[in-house]
PDB file of N, CA and C in Angstrom:
ATOM      1  N   UNK A   1       0.830  -1.190   0.000  1.00  0.00           N
ATOM      2  CA  UNK A   1       0.000   0.000   0.000  1.00  0.00           C
ATOM      3  C   UNK A   1       0.869   1.247   0.000  1.00  0.00           C
ATOM      4  N   UNK A   2       0.235   2.378  -0.265  1.00  0.00           N
ATOM      5  CA  UNK A   2       0.961   3.628  -0.380  1.00  0.00           C
ATOM      6  C   UNK A   2       1.047   4.335   0.963  1.00  0.00           C
ATOM      7  N   UNK A   3       2.048   5.167   1.090  1.00  0.00           N
ATOM      8  CA  UNK A   3       2.208   5.985   2.295  1.00  0.00           C
ATOM      9  C   UNK A   3       1.053   6.982   2.376  1.00  0.00           C
ATOM     10  N   UNK A   4       0.466   7.107   3.567  1.00  0.00           N
ATOM     11  CA  UNK A   4      -0.662   8.030   3.760  1.00  0.00           C
ATOM     12  C   UNK A   4      -0.147   9.403   4.184  1.00  0.00           C
ATOM     13  N   UNK A   5      -0.580  10.423   3.463  1.00  0.00           N
ATOM     14  CA  UNK A   5      -0.304  11.808   3.810  1.00  0.00           C
ATOM     15  C   UNK A   5      -1.652  12.509   3.885  1.00  0.00           C
ATOM     16  N   UNK A   6      -2.005  13.119   5.022  1.00  0.00           N
ATOM     17  CA  UNK A   6      -3.316  13.763   5.153  1.00  0.00           C
ATOM     18  C   UNK A   6      -3.520  14.905   4.157  1.00  0.00           C
ATOM     19  N   UNK A   7      -4.755  15.026   3.697  1.00  0.00           N
ATOM     20  CA  UNK A   7      -5.134  16.115   2.810  1.00  0.00           C
ATOM     21  C   UNK A   7      -5.639  17.290   3.653  1.00  0.00           C
ATOM     22  N   UNK A   8      -5.676  18.473   3.037  1.00  0.00           N
ATOM     23  CA  UNK A   8      -6.252  19.637   3.714  1.00  0.00           C
ATOM     24  C   UNK A   8      -6.925  20.530   2.681  1.00  0.00           C
ATOM     25  N   UNK A   9      -7.896  21.293   3.156  1.00  0.00           N
ATOM     26  CA  UNK A   9      -8.631  22.208   2.282  1.00  0.00           C
ATOM     27  C   UNK A   9      -9.114  23.384   3.106  1.00  0.00           C
ATOM     28  N   UNK A  10      -9.479  24.445   2.428  1.00  0.00           N
ATOM     29  CA  UNK A  10     -10.047  25.629   3.086  1.00  0.00           C
ATOM     30  C   UNK A  10     -11.454  25.843   2.550  1.00  0.00           C
ATOM     31  N   UNK A  11     -12.359  26.175   3.466  1.00  0.00           N
ATOM     32  CA  UNK A  11     -13.727  26.472   3.065  1.00  0.00           C
ATOM     33  C   UNK A  11     -13.802  27.916   2.571  1.00  0.00           C
ATOM     34  N   UNK A  12     -14.577  28.116   1.536  1.00  0.00           N
ATOM     35  CA  UNK A  12     -14.853  29.462   1.028  1.00  0.00           C
ATOM     36  C   UNK A  12     -16.218  29.841   1.600  1.00  0.00           C
ATOM     37  N   UNK A  13     -16.241  30.881   2.415  1.00  0.00           N
ATOM     38  CA  UNK A  13     -17.461  31.264   3.119  1.00  0.00           C
ATOM     39  C   UNK A  13     -17.861  32.676   2.718  1.00  0.00           C
ATOM     40  N   UNK A  14     -19.121  32.812   2.296  1.00  0.00           N
ATOM     41  CA  UNK A  14     -19.681  34.113   1.933  1.00  0.00           C
ATOM     42  C   UNK A  14     -20.978  34.303   2.697  1.00  0.00           C
ATOM     43  N   UNK A  15     -21.072  35.415   3.398  1.00  0.00           N
ATOM     44  CA  UNK A  15     -22.250  35.743   4.203  1.00  0.00           C
ATOM     45  C   UNK A  15     -22.618  34.602   5.153  1.00  0.00           C
ATOM     46  N   UNK A  16     -21.596  33.982   5.759  1.00  0.00           N
ATOM     47  CA  UNK A  16     -21.800  32.935   6.744  1.00  0.00           C
ATOM     48  C   UNK A  16     -22.134  31.569   6.183  1.00  0.00           C
ATOM     49  N   UNK A  17     -22.126  31.429   4.862  1.00  0.00           N
ATOM     50  CA  UNK A  17     -22.483  30.180   4.224  1.00  0.00           C
ATOM     51  C   UNK A  17     -21.292  29.623   3.443  1.00  0.00           C
ATOM     52  N   UNK A  18     -21.084  28.303   3.533  1.00  0.00           N
ATOM     53  CA  UNK A  18     -20.004  27.667   2.777  1.00  0.00           C
ATOM     54  C   UNK A  18     -20.430  27.595   1.312  1.00  0.00           C
ATOM     55  N   UNK A  19     -19.661  28.240   0.443  1.00  0.00           N
ATOM     56  CA  UNK A  19     -20.000  28.279  -0.979  1.00  0.00           C
ATOM     57  C   UNK A  19     -19.054  27.440  -1.836  1.00  0.00           C
ATOM     58  N   UNK A  20     -17.951  26.994  -1.251  1.00  0.00           N
ATOM     59  CA  UNK A  20     -17.000  26.197  -2.009  1.00  0.00           C
ATOM     60  C   UNK A  20     -15.875  25.724  -1.126  1.00  0.00           C
ATOM     61  N   UNK A  21     -14.995  24.935  -1.714  1.00  0.00           N
ATOM     62  CA  UNK A  21     -13.832  24.398  -1.007  1.00  0.00           C
ATOM     63  C   UNK A  21     -12.620  24.485  -1.919  1.00  0.00           C
ATOM     64  N   UNK A  22     -11.471  24.817  -1.346  1.00  0.00           N
ATOM     65  CA  UNK A  22     -10.221  24.876  -2.107  1.00  0.00           C
ATOM     66  C   UNK A  22      -9.251  23.878  -1.489  1.00  0.00           C
ATOM     67  N   UNK A  23      -8.826  22.911  -2.272  1.00  0.00           N
ATOM     68  CA  UNK A  23      -7.856  21.919  -1.804  1.00  0.00           C
ATOM     69  C   UNK A  23      -6.503  22.610  -1.687  1.00  0.00           C
ATOM     70  N   UNK A  24      -5.934  22.599  -0.476  1.00  0.00           N
ATOM     71  CA  UNK A  24      -4.619  23.216  -0.275  1.00  0.00           C
ATOM     72  C   UNK A  24      -3.502  22.174  -0.326  1.00  0.00           C
ATOM     73  N   UNK A  25      -3.849  20.928  -0.028  1.00  0.00           N
ATOM     74  CA  UNK A  25      -2.907  19.811  -0.156  1.00  0.00           C
ATOM     75  C   UNK A  25      -3.732  18.566  -0.439  1.00  0.00           C
ATOM     76  N   UNK A  26      -3.503  17.910  -1.567  1.00  0.00           N
ATOM     77  CA  UNK A  26      -4.322  16.782  -1.999  1.00  0.00           C
ATOM     78  C   UNK A  26      -4.060  15.501  -1.206  1.00  0.00           C
ATOM     79  N   UNK A  27      -2.986  15.486  -0.421  1.00  0.00           N
ATOM     80  CA  UNK A  27      -2.673  14.285   0.351  1.00  0.00           C
ATOM     81  C   UNK A  27      -2.366  13.107  -0.560  1.00  0.00           C
ATOM     82  N   UNK A  28      -2.287  11.910   0.031  1.00  0.00           N
ATOM     83  CA  UNK A  28      -2.069  10.695  -0.754  1.00  0.00           C
ATOM     84  C   UNK A  28      -2.305   9.486   0.149  1.00  0.00           C
ATOM     85  N   UNK A  29      -2.455   8.332  -0.488  1.00  0.00           N
ATOM     86  CA  UNK A  29      -2.595   7.085   0.244  1.00  0.00           C
ATOM     87  C   UNK A  29      -4.016   6.725   0.670  1.00  0.00           C
ATOM     88  N   UNK A  30      -4.996   7.483   0.231  1.00  0.00           N
ATOM     89  CA  UNK A  30      -6.390   7.148   0.557  1.00  0.00           C
ATOM     90  C   UNK A  30      -6.833   5.975  -0.318  1.00  0.00           C
ATOM     91  N   UNK A  31      -7.454   4.979   0.296  1.00  0.00           N
ATOM     92  CA  UNK A  31      -7.978   3.837  -0.449  1.00  0.00           C
ATOM     93  C   UNK A  31      -9.455   4.021  -0.755  1.00  0.00           C
ATOM     94  N   UNK A  32     -10.119   4.857   0.019  1.00  0.00           N
ATOM     95  CA  UNK A  32     -11.516   5.222  -0.216  1.00  0.00           C
ATOM     96  C   UNK A  32     -11.671   6.684   0.173  1.00  0.00           C
ATOM     97  N   UNK A  33     -12.688   7.351  -0.358  1.00  0.00           N
ATOM     98  CA  UNK A  33     -12.859   8.783  -0.061  1.00  0.00           C
ATOM     99  C   UNK A  33     -13.031   9.024   1.442  1.00  0.00           C
ATOM    100  N   UNK A  34     -12.308   9.976   1.996  1.00  0.00           N
ATOM    101  CA  UNK A  34     -12.417  10.260   3.427  1.00  0.00           C
ATOM    102  C   UNK A  34     -13.690  11.040   3.750  1.00  0.00           C
ATOM    103  N   UNK A  35     -14.075  11.001   5.005  1.00  0.00           N
ATOM    104  CA  UNK A  35     -15.164  11.836   5.486  1.00  0.00           C
ATOM    105  C   UNK A  35     -14.613  13.243   5.656  1.00  0.00           C
ATOM    106  N   UNK A  36     -15.308  14.220   5.094  1.00  0.00           N
ATOM    107  CA  UNK A  36     -14.861  15.607   5.153  1.00  0.00           C
ATOM    108  C   UNK A  36     -15.793  16.377   6.070  1.00  0.00           C
ATOM    109  N   UNK A  37     -15.217  17.062   7.044  1.00  0.00           N
ATOM    110  CA  UNK A  37     -16.001  17.857   7.976  1.00  0.00           C
ATOM    111  C   UNK A  37     -15.472  19.282   7.970  1.00  0.00           C
ATOM    112  N   UNK A  38     -16.397  20.248   8.073  1.00  0.00           N
ATOM    113  CA  UNK A  38     -16.018  21.653   8.099  1.00  0.00           C
ATOM    114  C   UNK A  38     -16.353  22.199   9.475  1.00  0.00           C
ATOM    115  N   UNK A  39     -15.336  22.622  10.210  1.00  0.00           N
ATOM    116  CA  UNK A  39     -15.528  23.133  11.575  1.00  0.00           C
ATOM    117  C   UNK A  39     -16.543  24.272  11.579  1.00  0.00           C
ATOM    118  N   UNK A  40     -17.519  24.166  12.470  1.00  0.00           N
ATOM    119  CA  UNK A  40     -18.532  25.202  12.593  1.00  0.00           C
ATOM    120  C   UNK A  40     -19.658  25.110  11.568  1.00  0.00           C
ATOM    121  N   UNK A  41     -19.566  24.120  10.683  1.00  0.00           N
ATOM    122  CA  UNK A  41     -20.583  23.955   9.636  1.00  0.00           C
ATOM    123  C   UNK A  41     -20.910  22.468   9.476  1.00  0.00           C
ATOM    124  N   UNK A  42     -21.328  21.839  10.576  1.00  0.00           N
ATOM    125  CA  UNK A  42     -21.612  20.401  10.576  1.00  0.00           C
ATOM    126  C   UNK A  42     -22.727  20.024   9.601  1.00  0.00           C
ATOM    127  N   UNK A  43     -23.577  20.978   9.242  1.00  0.00           N
ATOM    128  CA  UNK A  43     -24.699  20.699   8.337  1.00  0.00           C
ATOM    129  C   UNK A  43     -24.260  20.530   6.884  1.00  0.00           C
ATOM    130  N   UNK A  44     -23.054  20.951   6.548  1.00  0.00           N
ATOM    131  CA  UNK A  44     -22.565  20.883   5.164  1.00  0.00           C
ATOM    132  C   UNK A  44     -22.007  19.493   4.891  1.00  0.00           C
ATOM    133  N   UNK A  45     -22.535  18.864   3.858  1.00  0.00           N
ATOM    134  CA  UNK A  45     -22.079  17.540   3.431  1.00  0.00           C
ATOM    135  C   UNK A  45     -21.144  17.711   2.237  1.00  0.00           C
ATOM    136  N   UNK A  46     -20.017  17.008   2.293  1.00  0.00           N
ATOM    137  CA  UNK A  46     -19.001  17.130   1.242  1.00  0.00           C
ATOM    138  C   UNK A  46     -18.645  15.750   0.714  1.00  0.00           C
ATOM    139  N   UNK A  47     -18.549  15.634  -0.594  1.00  0.00           N
ATOM    140  CA  UNK A  47     -18.126  14.389  -1.227  1.00  0.00           C
ATOM    141  C   UNK A  47     -16.729  14.580  -1.801  1.00  0.00           C
ATOM    142  N   UNK A  48     -15.831  13.674  -1.441  1.00  0.00           N
ATOM    143  CA  UNK A  48     -14.462  13.706  -1.960  1.00  0.00           C
ATOM    144  C   UNK A  48     -14.329  12.685  -3.083  1.00  0.00           C
ATOM    145  N   UNK A  49     -13.574  13.049  -4.117  1.00  0.00           N
ATOM    146  CA  UNK A  49     -13.260  12.141  -5.219  1.00  0.00           C
ATOM    147  C   UNK A  49     -11.756  11.915  -5.204  1.00  0.00           C
ATOM    148  N   UNK A  50     -11.360  10.657  -5.352  1.00  0.00           N
ATOM    149  CA  UNK A  50      -9.933  10.317  -5.329  1.00  0.00           C
ATOM    150  C   UNK A  50      -9.367  10.200  -6.734  1.00  0.00           C
ATOM    151  N   UNK A  51      -8.044  10.327  -6.797  1.00  0.00           N
ATOM    152  CA  UNK A  51      -7.320  10.199  -8.060  1.00  0.00           C
ATOM    153  C   UNK A  51      -6.248   9.120  -7.889  1.00  0.00           C
ATOM    154  N   UNK A  52      -6.153   8.248  -8.874  1.00  0.00           N
ATOM    155  CA  UNK A  52      -5.129   7.208  -8.872  1.00  0.00           C
ATOM    156  C   UNK A  52      -4.329   7.308 -10.166  1.00  0.00           C
ATOM    157  N   UNK A  53      -3.024   7.073 -10.062  1.00  0.00           N
ATOM    158  CA  UNK A  53      -2.168   7.157 -11.252  1.00  0.00           C
ATOM    159  C   UNK A  53      -1.007   6.188 -11.090  1.00  0.00           C
ATOM    160  N   UNK A  54      -0.093   6.221 -12.030  1.00  0.00           N
ATOM    161  CA  UNK A  54       1.089   5.370 -11.943  1.00  0.00           C
ATOM    162  C   UNK A  54       2.155   5.966 -11.032  1.00  0.00           C
ATOM    163  N   UNK A  55       1.958   7.208 -10.611  1.00  0.00           N
ATOM    164  CA  UNK A  55       2.882   7.873  -9.690  1.00  0.00           C
ATOM    165  C   UNK A  55       2.498   7.473  -8.264  1.00  0.00           C
ATOM    166  N   UNK A  56       3.161   6.457  -7.720  1.00  0.00           N
ATOM    167  CA  UNK A  56       2.797   5.920  -6.409  1.00  0.00           C
ATOM    168  C   UNK A  56       2.867   6.949  -5.290  1.00  0.00           C
ATOM    169  N   UNK A  57       3.696   7.971  -5.431  1.00  0.00           N
ATOM    170  CA  UNK A  57       3.807   8.970  -4.371  1.00  0.00           C
ATOM    171  C   UNK A  57       2.553   9.851  -4.284  1.00  0.00           C
ATOM    172  N   UNK A  58       1.732   9.857  -5.347  1.00  0.00           N
ATOM    173  CA  UNK A  58       0.514  10.679  -5.366  1.00  0.00           C
ATOM    174  C   UNK A  58      -0.758   9.840  -5.411  1.00  0.00           C
ATOM    175  N   UNK A  59      -0.630   8.519  -5.473  1.00  0.00           N
ATOM    176  CA  UNK A  59      -1.802   7.662  -5.567  1.00  0.00           C
ATOM    177  C   UNK A  59      -2.731   7.855  -4.382  1.00  0.00           C
ATOM    178  N   UNK A  60      -4.029   7.816  -4.655  1.00  0.00           N
ATOM    179  CA  UNK A  60      -5.016   7.972  -3.597  1.00  0.00           C
ATOM    180  C   UNK A  60      -5.107   9.390  -3.076  1.00  0.00           C
ATOM    181  N   UNK A  61      -4.825  10.369  -3.933  1.00  0.00           N
ATOM    182  CA  UNK A  61      -4.917  11.771  -3.511  1.00  0.00           C
ATOM    183  C   UNK A  61      -6.330  12.294  -3.785  1.00  0.00           C
ATOM    184  N   UNK A  62      -6.663  13.411  -3.138  1.00  0.00           N
ATOM    185  CA  UNK A  62      -7.972  14.027  -3.336  1.00  0.00           C
ATOM    186  C   UNK A  62      -7.967  14.780  -4.663  1.00  0.00           C
ATOM    187  N   UNK A  63      -8.864  14.410  -5.549  1.00  0.00           N
ATOM    188  CA  UNK A  63      -8.973  15.066  -6.862  1.00  0.00           C
ATOM    189  C   UNK A  63      -9.937  16.242  -6.784  1.00  0.00           C
ATOM    190  N   UNK A  64     -11.047  16.050  -6.070  1.00  0.00           N
ATOM    191  CA  UNK A  64     -12.025  17.128  -5.966  1.00  0.00           C
ATOM    192  C   UNK A  64     -12.858  16.991  -4.700  1.00  0.00           C
ATOM    193  N   UNK A  65     -13.420  18.119  -4.275  1.00  0.00           N
ATOM    194  CA  UNK A  65     -14.344  18.173  -3.145  1.00  0.00           C
ATOM    195  C   UNK A  65     -15.598  18.889  -3.638  1.00  0.00           C
ATOM    196  N   UNK A  66     -16.749  18.252  -3.432  1.00  0.00           N
ATOM    197  CA  UNK A  66     -18.012  18.802  -3.916  1.00  0.00           C
ATOM    198  C   UNK A  66     -18.995  18.917  -2.765  1.00  0.00           C
ATOM    199  N   UNK A  67     -19.620  20.082  -2.637  1.00  0.00           N
ATOM    200  CA  UNK A  67     -20.663  20.262  -1.629  1.00  0.00           C
ATOM    201  C   UNK A  67     -21.920  19.580  -2.148  1.00  0.00           C
ATOM    202  N   UNK A  68     -22.488  18.698  -1.320  1.00  0.00           N
ATOM    203  CA  UNK A  68     -23.694  17.965  -1.690  1.00  0.00           C
ATOM    204  C   UNK A  68     -24.887  18.685  -1.088  1.00  0.00           C
ATOM    205  N   UNK A  69     -25.797  19.118  -1.934  1.00  0.00           N
ATOM    206  CA  UNK A  69     -26.985  19.865  -1.470  1.00  0.00           C
ATOM    207  C   UNK A  69     -28.013  18.940  -0.859  1.00  0.00           C
TER     208      UNK A  69
END
């Protein structure tokens, strides 16, 4: 298996509402999409999509984060 490196992202907040997410570090080593939580905004559901490639150092990284309505 691949070495796990945690991912990180920043929430984009406008008028107190989460309107988007910006991946600041895609991480690596995820075998399934992680649970994403936004501090102070427990009601926001986020779906993570993973990326796999032949570059083992980046395998299992976060490709995208989508707010689920």
